[in-house]
Amino acid sequence: MRNTCAVSSRRRRKRILKQAKGFVGDRKGHIRLTKDAVMKAMAFNSIHRKQKKRNFRSLWIVRIGAATRPHGLSYHRFIHALSKAHCSINRKMLSEMSIHDPEGFACTVERAKQALA
């Protein structure tokens, strides 16, 4: 009687097939294709977690720049003025303020302008 390791092989295959949930076509049903697809998805997953942080930071910067222009400042000068004024509000909060609390953002811009003068 030969040893086939059936239990562990099936368990290994089921784990890979479970990770391929939501994949389309042969990439979710055939173990050889699924294994490649899952490995590539895992690699992209780690890369995209890093890119997500970059993308959000650039979004916040664009929003802040768009909100400071009507007040007569560019993004670069605004951030420089905030550091001079010892105001440590991060970019995410500044972006949220510019959308949801324009009056508070205007006060922050005025404080930054005073620090520049």
N, C-alpha and C. Protein backbone atom coordinates (compact mmCIF):
# COMPACT_ATOMS: atom_id res chain seq x y z
N MET A 1 0.85 -1.19 0.00
CA MET A 1 0.00 0.00 0.00
C MET A 1 0.88 1.24 0.00
N ARG A 2 0.64 2.15 -0.94
CA ARG A 2 1.50 3.32 -1.03
C ARG A 2 0.88 4.50 -0.27
N ASN A 3 1.73 5.38 0.18
CA ASN A 3 1.31 6.54 0.94
C ASN A 3 1.11 7.71 -0.04
N THR A 4 -0.10 8.26 -0.09
CA THR A 4 -0.40 9.32 -1.05
C THR A 4 -0.45 10.71 -0.42
N CYS A 5 -0.43 10.79 0.87
CA CYS A 5 -0.55 12.08 1.57
C CYS A 5 -1.82 12.81 1.13
N ALA A 6 -2.89 12.09 0.93
CA ALA A 6 -4.11 12.65 0.37
C ALA A 6 -4.68 13.77 1.24
N VAL A 7 -4.68 13.58 2.53
CA VAL A 7 -5.29 14.57 3.42
C VAL A 7 -4.54 15.90 3.34
N SER A 8 -3.22 15.84 3.45
CA SER A 8 -2.44 17.08 3.44
C SER A 8 -2.46 17.74 2.06
N SER A 9 -2.46 16.93 0.98
CA SER A 9 -2.52 17.50 -0.38
C SER A 9 -3.84 18.21 -0.60
N ARG A 10 -4.93 17.58 -0.20
CA ARG A 10 -6.24 18.18 -0.37
C ARG A 10 -6.36 19.45 0.45
N ARG A 11 -5.84 19.40 1.66
CA ARG A 11 -5.90 20.58 2.53
C ARG A 11 -5.12 21.75 1.92
N ARG A 12 -3.94 21.44 1.36
CA ARG A 12 -3.13 22.47 0.74
C ARG A 12 -3.86 23.07 -0.47
N ARG A 13 -4.44 22.21 -1.30
CA ARG A 13 -5.17 22.69 -2.48
C ARG A 13 -6.39 23.51 -2.09
N LYS A 14 -7.10 23.06 -1.07
CA LYS A 14 -8.30 23.79 -0.63
C LYS A 14 -7.93 25.17 -0.11
N ARG A 15 -6.78 25.27 0.57
CA ARG A 15 -6.36 26.57 1.10
C ARG A 15 -6.08 27.55 -0.05
N ILE A 16 -5.41 27.07 -1.09
CA ILE A 16 -5.11 27.93 -2.24
C ILE A 16 -6.39 28.32 -2.97
N LEU A 17 -7.31 27.35 -3.15
CA LEU A 17 -8.56 27.63 -3.84
C LEU A 17 -9.42 28.61 -3.05
N LYS A 18 -9.33 28.53 -1.72
CA LYS A 18 -10.09 29.45 -0.88
C LYS A 18 -9.56 30.87 -1.02
N GLN A 19 -8.23 31.00 -1.18
CA GLN A 19 -7.63 32.33 -1.35
C GLN A 19 -8.00 32.95 -2.69
N ALA A 20 -8.40 32.09 -3.66
CA ALA A 20 -8.74 32.58 -5.00
C ALA A 20 -10.21 32.91 -5.14
N LYS A 21 -10.91 33.05 -4.02
CA LYS A 21 -12.33 33.39 -4.07
C LYS A 21 -12.50 34.75 -4.75
N GLY A 22 -13.40 34.81 -5.71
CA GLY A 22 -13.65 36.04 -6.43
C GLY A 22 -12.86 36.16 -7.72
N PHE A 23 -11.91 35.26 -7.96
CA PHE A 23 -11.18 35.28 -9.21
C PHE A 23 -12.10 34.81 -10.33
N VAL A 24 -11.75 35.12 -11.58
CA VAL A 24 -12.61 34.84 -12.72
C VAL A 24 -12.03 33.73 -13.58
N GLY A 25 -12.89 32.86 -14.10
CA GLY A 25 -12.50 31.85 -15.08
C GLY A 25 -11.66 30.74 -14.49
N ASP A 26 -10.67 30.29 -15.28
CA ASP A 26 -9.83 29.16 -14.86
C ASP A 26 -8.96 29.51 -13.66
N ARG A 27 -8.80 30.80 -13.39
CA ARG A 27 -7.92 31.22 -12.30
C ARG A 27 -8.47 30.86 -10.93
N LYS A 28 -9.74 30.44 -10.88
CA LYS A 28 -10.29 30.08 -9.56
C LYS A 28 -10.57 28.58 -9.42
N GLY A 29 -10.51 27.84 -10.54
CA GLY A 29 -10.91 26.44 -10.46
C GLY A 29 -9.81 25.43 -10.67
N HIS A 30 -8.81 25.76 -11.45
CA HIS A 30 -7.73 24.83 -11.77
C HIS A 30 -6.53 25.14 -10.90
N ILE A 31 -6.04 24.13 -10.20
CA ILE A 31 -5.07 24.37 -9.14
C ILE A 31 -3.77 24.97 -9.67
N ARG A 32 -3.32 24.55 -10.85
CA ARG A 32 -2.05 25.07 -11.38
C ARG A 32 -2.17 26.56 -11.72
N LEU A 33 -3.24 26.92 -12.37
CA LEU A 33 -3.44 28.33 -12.73
C LEU A 33 -3.75 29.16 -11.48
N THR A 34 -4.50 28.56 -10.58
CA THR A 34 -4.88 29.26 -9.36
C THR A 34 -3.67 29.59 -8.50
N LYS A 35 -2.75 28.64 -8.44
CA LYS A 35 -1.56 28.85 -7.60
C LYS A 35 -0.77 30.06 -8.10
N ASP A 36 -0.59 30.17 -9.43
CA ASP A 36 0.12 31.32 -9.98
C ASP A 36 -0.63 32.62 -9.72
N ALA A 37 -1.95 32.57 -9.92
CA ALA A 37 -2.76 33.77 -9.74
C ALA A 37 -2.72 34.26 -8.29
N VAL A 38 -2.78 33.32 -7.34
CA VAL A 38 -2.77 33.68 -5.91
C VAL A 38 -1.41 34.27 -5.54
N MET A 39 -0.33 33.67 -6.05
CA MET A 39 1.01 34.18 -5.72
C MET A 39 1.18 35.60 -6.25
N LYS A 40 0.72 35.85 -7.47
CA LYS A 40 0.83 37.18 -8.05
C LYS A 40 -0.03 38.18 -7.29
N ALA A 41 -1.23 37.73 -6.89
CA ALA A 41 -2.13 38.60 -6.13
C ALA A 41 -1.50 38.98 -4.79
N MET A 42 -0.84 38.03 -4.15
CA MET A 42 -0.17 38.31 -2.87
C MET A 42 0.95 39.34 -3.06
N ALA A 43 1.71 39.20 -4.15
CA ALA A 43 2.80 40.14 -4.40
C ALA A 43 2.25 41.54 -4.63
N PHE A 44 1.21 41.65 -5.47
CA PHE A 44 0.61 42.96 -5.74
C PHE A 44 -0.01 43.53 -4.48
N ASN A 45 -0.54 42.67 -3.62
CA ASN A 45 -1.18 43.11 -2.38
C ASN A 45 -0.19 43.88 -1.52
N SER A 46 1.01 43.35 -1.36
CA SER A 46 2.00 44.03 -0.51
C SER A 46 2.47 45.32 -1.18
N ILE A 47 2.61 45.32 -2.51
CA ILE A 47 3.04 46.53 -3.22
C ILE A 47 1.98 47.62 -3.09
N HIS A 48 0.72 47.22 -3.27
CA HIS A 48 -0.36 48.21 -3.27
C HIS A 48 -0.64 48.77 -1.88
N ARG A 49 -0.32 48.01 -0.83
CA ARG A 49 -0.46 48.58 0.52
C ARG A 49 0.48 49.77 0.69
N LYS A 50 1.67 49.68 0.11
CA LYS A 50 2.61 50.80 0.18
C LYS A 50 2.12 51.97 -0.69
N GLN A 51 1.62 51.64 -1.90
CA GLN A 51 1.17 52.69 -2.82
C GLN A 51 -0.03 53.45 -2.28
N LYS A 52 -0.86 52.76 -1.52
CA LYS A 52 -2.07 53.39 -0.97
C LYS A 52 -1.71 54.60 -0.11
N LYS A 53 -0.66 54.47 0.67
CA LYS A 53 -0.22 55.56 1.54
C LYS A 53 0.24 56.77 0.71
N ARG A 54 0.99 56.48 -0.39
CA ARG A 54 1.45 57.54 -1.28
C ARG A 54 0.28 58.25 -1.95
N ASN A 55 -0.68 57.44 -2.43
CA ASN A 55 -1.81 58.00 -3.15
C ASN A 55 -2.64 58.92 -2.27
N PHE A 56 -2.88 58.51 -1.02
CA PHE A 56 -3.67 59.34 -0.12
C PHE A 56 -2.93 60.63 0.22
N ARG A 57 -1.62 60.54 0.44
CA ARG A 57 -0.86 61.76 0.75
C ARG A 57 -0.94 62.74 -0.40
N SER A 58 -0.80 62.26 -1.64
CA SER A 58 -0.87 63.17 -2.79
C SER A 58 -2.28 63.75 -2.93
N LEU A 59 -3.31 62.97 -2.61
CA LEU A 59 -4.68 63.49 -2.65
C LEU A 59 -4.85 64.62 -1.65
N TRP A 60 -4.34 64.42 -0.42
CA TRP A 60 -4.46 65.46 0.60
C TRP A 60 -3.73 66.73 0.15
N ILE A 61 -2.56 66.57 -0.47
CA ILE A 61 -1.78 67.73 -0.91
C ILE A 61 -2.54 68.51 -1.97
N VAL A 62 -3.17 67.78 -2.92
CA VAL A 62 -3.94 68.46 -3.97
C VAL A 62 -5.12 69.21 -3.36
N ARG A 63 -5.80 68.60 -2.41
CA ARG A 63 -6.94 69.26 -1.77
C ARG A 63 -6.52 70.51 -1.02
N ILE A 64 -5.42 70.43 -0.29
CA ILE A 64 -4.95 71.58 0.49
C ILE A 64 -4.55 72.71 -0.46
N GLY A 65 -3.85 72.34 -1.54
CA GLY A 65 -3.45 73.34 -2.52
C GLY A 65 -4.64 74.05 -3.14
N ALA A 66 -5.69 73.28 -3.45
CA ALA A 66 -6.89 73.87 -4.04
C ALA A 66 -7.61 74.76 -3.03
N ALA A 67 -7.54 74.42 -1.75
CA ALA A 67 -8.23 75.21 -0.72
C ALA A 67 -7.45 76.48 -0.35
N THR A 68 -6.13 76.48 -0.51
CA THR A 68 -5.34 77.65 -0.12
C THR A 68 -5.26 78.71 -1.22
N ARG A 69 -5.45 78.32 -2.48
CA ARG A 69 -5.34 79.28 -3.59
C ARG A 69 -6.30 80.46 -3.47
N PRO A 70 -7.58 80.24 -3.11
CA PRO A 70 -8.47 81.40 -2.97
C PRO A 70 -8.03 82.39 -1.89
N HIS A 71 -7.21 81.90 -0.92
CA HIS A 71 -6.72 82.78 0.14
C HIS A 71 -5.40 83.45 -0.24
N GLY A 72 -4.92 83.21 -1.45
CA GLY A 72 -3.72 83.89 -1.92
C GLY A 72 -2.42 83.20 -1.56
N LEU A 73 -2.47 81.92 -1.25
CA LEU A 73 -1.25 81.17 -0.93
C LEU A 73 -1.17 79.92 -1.79
N SER A 74 0.05 79.50 -2.08
CA SER A 74 0.23 78.20 -2.72
C SER A 74 0.40 77.16 -1.62
N TYR A 75 0.34 75.90 -2.01
CA TYR A 75 0.49 74.81 -1.03
C TYR A 75 1.84 74.91 -0.34
N HIS A 76 2.90 75.10 -1.13
CA HIS A 76 4.25 75.11 -0.59
C HIS A 76 4.44 76.23 0.44
N ARG A 77 3.98 77.42 0.08
CA ARG A 77 4.13 78.55 1.01
C ARG A 77 3.26 78.36 2.26
N PHE A 78 2.10 77.74 2.09
CA PHE A 78 1.21 77.49 3.23
C PHE A 78 1.86 76.54 4.24
N ILE A 79 2.41 75.44 3.74
CA ILE A 79 3.05 74.46 4.63
C ILE A 79 4.28 75.08 5.30
N HIS A 80 5.04 75.88 4.55
CA HIS A 80 6.20 76.56 5.13
C HIS A 80 5.76 77.52 6.24
N ALA A 81 4.66 78.24 5.99
CA ALA A 81 4.16 79.19 6.99
C ALA A 81 3.65 78.48 8.23
N LEU A 82 3.01 77.32 8.04
CA LEU A 82 2.54 76.56 9.20
C LEU A 82 3.70 76.08 10.07
N SER A 83 4.79 75.67 9.44
CA SER A 83 5.94 75.23 10.23
C SER A 83 6.55 76.41 10.96
N LYS A 84 6.55 77.60 10.34
CA LYS A 84 7.05 78.80 11.01
C LYS A 84 6.17 79.18 12.19
N ALA A 85 4.86 78.94 12.05
CA ALA A 85 3.91 79.29 13.12
C ALA A 85 3.84 78.21 14.20
N HIS A 86 4.67 77.18 14.08
CA HIS A 86 4.69 76.05 15.03
C HIS A 86 3.31 75.40 15.14
N CYS A 87 2.64 75.27 14.02
CA CYS A 87 1.32 74.64 13.96
C CYS A 87 1.51 73.24 13.39
N SER A 88 1.27 72.22 14.20
CA SER A 88 1.55 70.85 13.77
C SER A 88 0.26 70.09 13.46
N ILE A 89 -0.46 70.55 12.44
CA ILE A 89 -1.64 69.82 11.97
C ILE A 89 -1.20 69.03 10.75
N ASN A 90 -1.50 67.73 10.74
CA ASN A 90 -1.04 66.92 9.61
C ASN A 90 -1.89 67.17 8.38
N ARG A 91 -1.41 66.68 7.25
CA ARG A 91 -2.05 66.95 5.96
C ARG A 91 -3.44 66.34 5.87
N LYS A 92 -3.62 65.20 6.49
CA LYS A 92 -4.95 64.56 6.46
C LYS A 92 -5.98 65.46 7.14
N MET A 93 -5.63 65.99 8.30
CA MET A 93 -6.57 66.85 9.03
C MET A 93 -6.79 68.17 8.29
N LEU A 94 -5.74 68.72 7.70
CA LEU A 94 -5.90 69.96 6.92
C LEU A 94 -6.85 69.74 5.75
N SER A 95 -6.72 68.59 5.10
CA SER A 95 -7.59 68.26 3.97
C SER A 95 -9.04 68.15 4.43
N GLU A 96 -9.25 67.46 5.54
CA GLU A 96 -10.61 67.31 6.07
C GLU A 96 -11.19 68.66 6.49
N MET A 97 -10.34 69.50 7.10
CA MET A 97 -10.80 70.83 7.50
C MET A 97 -11.22 71.65 6.29
N SER A 98 -10.46 71.56 5.21
CA SER A 98 -10.77 72.35 4.02
C SER A 98 -12.12 71.95 3.42
N ILE A 99 -12.51 70.70 3.60
CA ILE A 99 -13.79 70.23 3.05
C ILE A 99 -14.95 70.50 4.01
N HIS A 100 -14.78 70.07 5.26
CA HIS A 100 -15.90 70.07 6.21
C HIS A 100 -15.98 71.30 7.11
N ASP A 101 -14.87 72.03 7.26
CA ASP A 101 -14.86 73.20 8.15
C ASP A 101 -14.10 74.34 7.49
N PRO A 102 -14.68 74.96 6.46
CA PRO A 102 -13.96 76.02 5.73
C PRO A 102 -13.60 77.22 6.60
N GLU A 103 -14.46 77.55 7.59
CA GLU A 103 -14.15 78.69 8.47
C GLU A 103 -12.90 78.41 9.30
N GLY A 104 -12.83 77.22 9.86
CA GLY A 104 -11.65 76.84 10.64
C GLY A 104 -10.40 76.81 9.79
N PHE A 105 -10.54 76.34 8.54
CA PHE A 105 -9.40 76.32 7.63
C PHE A 105 -8.95 77.74 7.30
N ALA A 106 -9.92 78.64 7.13
CA ALA A 106 -9.60 80.04 6.84
C ALA A 106 -8.81 80.65 8.00
N CYS A 107 -9.21 80.32 9.24
CA CYS A 107 -8.47 80.81 10.41
C CYS A 107 -7.03 80.30 10.40
N THR A 108 -6.88 79.03 10.03
CA THR A 108 -5.54 78.45 9.97
C THR A 108 -4.69 79.15 8.91
N VAL A 109 -5.30 79.45 7.77
CA VAL A 109 -4.57 80.15 6.70
C VAL A 109 -4.16 81.55 7.18
N GLU A 110 -5.06 82.24 7.87
CA GLU A 110 -4.73 83.59 8.37
C GLU A 110 -3.58 83.53 9.37
N ARG A 111 -3.60 82.50 10.21
CA ARG A 111 -2.50 82.34 11.19
C ARG A 111 -1.18 82.09 10.46
N ALA A 112 -1.26 81.31 9.40
CA ALA A 112 -0.06 81.02 8.61
C ALA A 112 0.45 82.30 7.93
N LYS A 113 -0.46 83.12 7.42
CA LYS A 113 -0.07 84.38 6.78
C LYS A 113 0.62 85.31 7.78
N GLN A 114 0.11 85.35 9.02
CA GLN A 114 0.73 86.18 10.04
C GLN A 114 2.16 85.71 10.35
N ALA A 115 2.35 84.41 10.31
CA ALA A 115 3.70 83.87 10.57
C ALA A 115 4.67 84.23 9.45
N LEU A 116 4.16 84.35 8.23
CA LEU A 116 5.01 84.73 7.11
C LEU A 116 5.42 86.21 7.18
N ALA A 117 4.49 87.02 7.70
CA ALA A 117 4.75 88.47 7.70
C ALA A 117 5.77 88.86 8.75
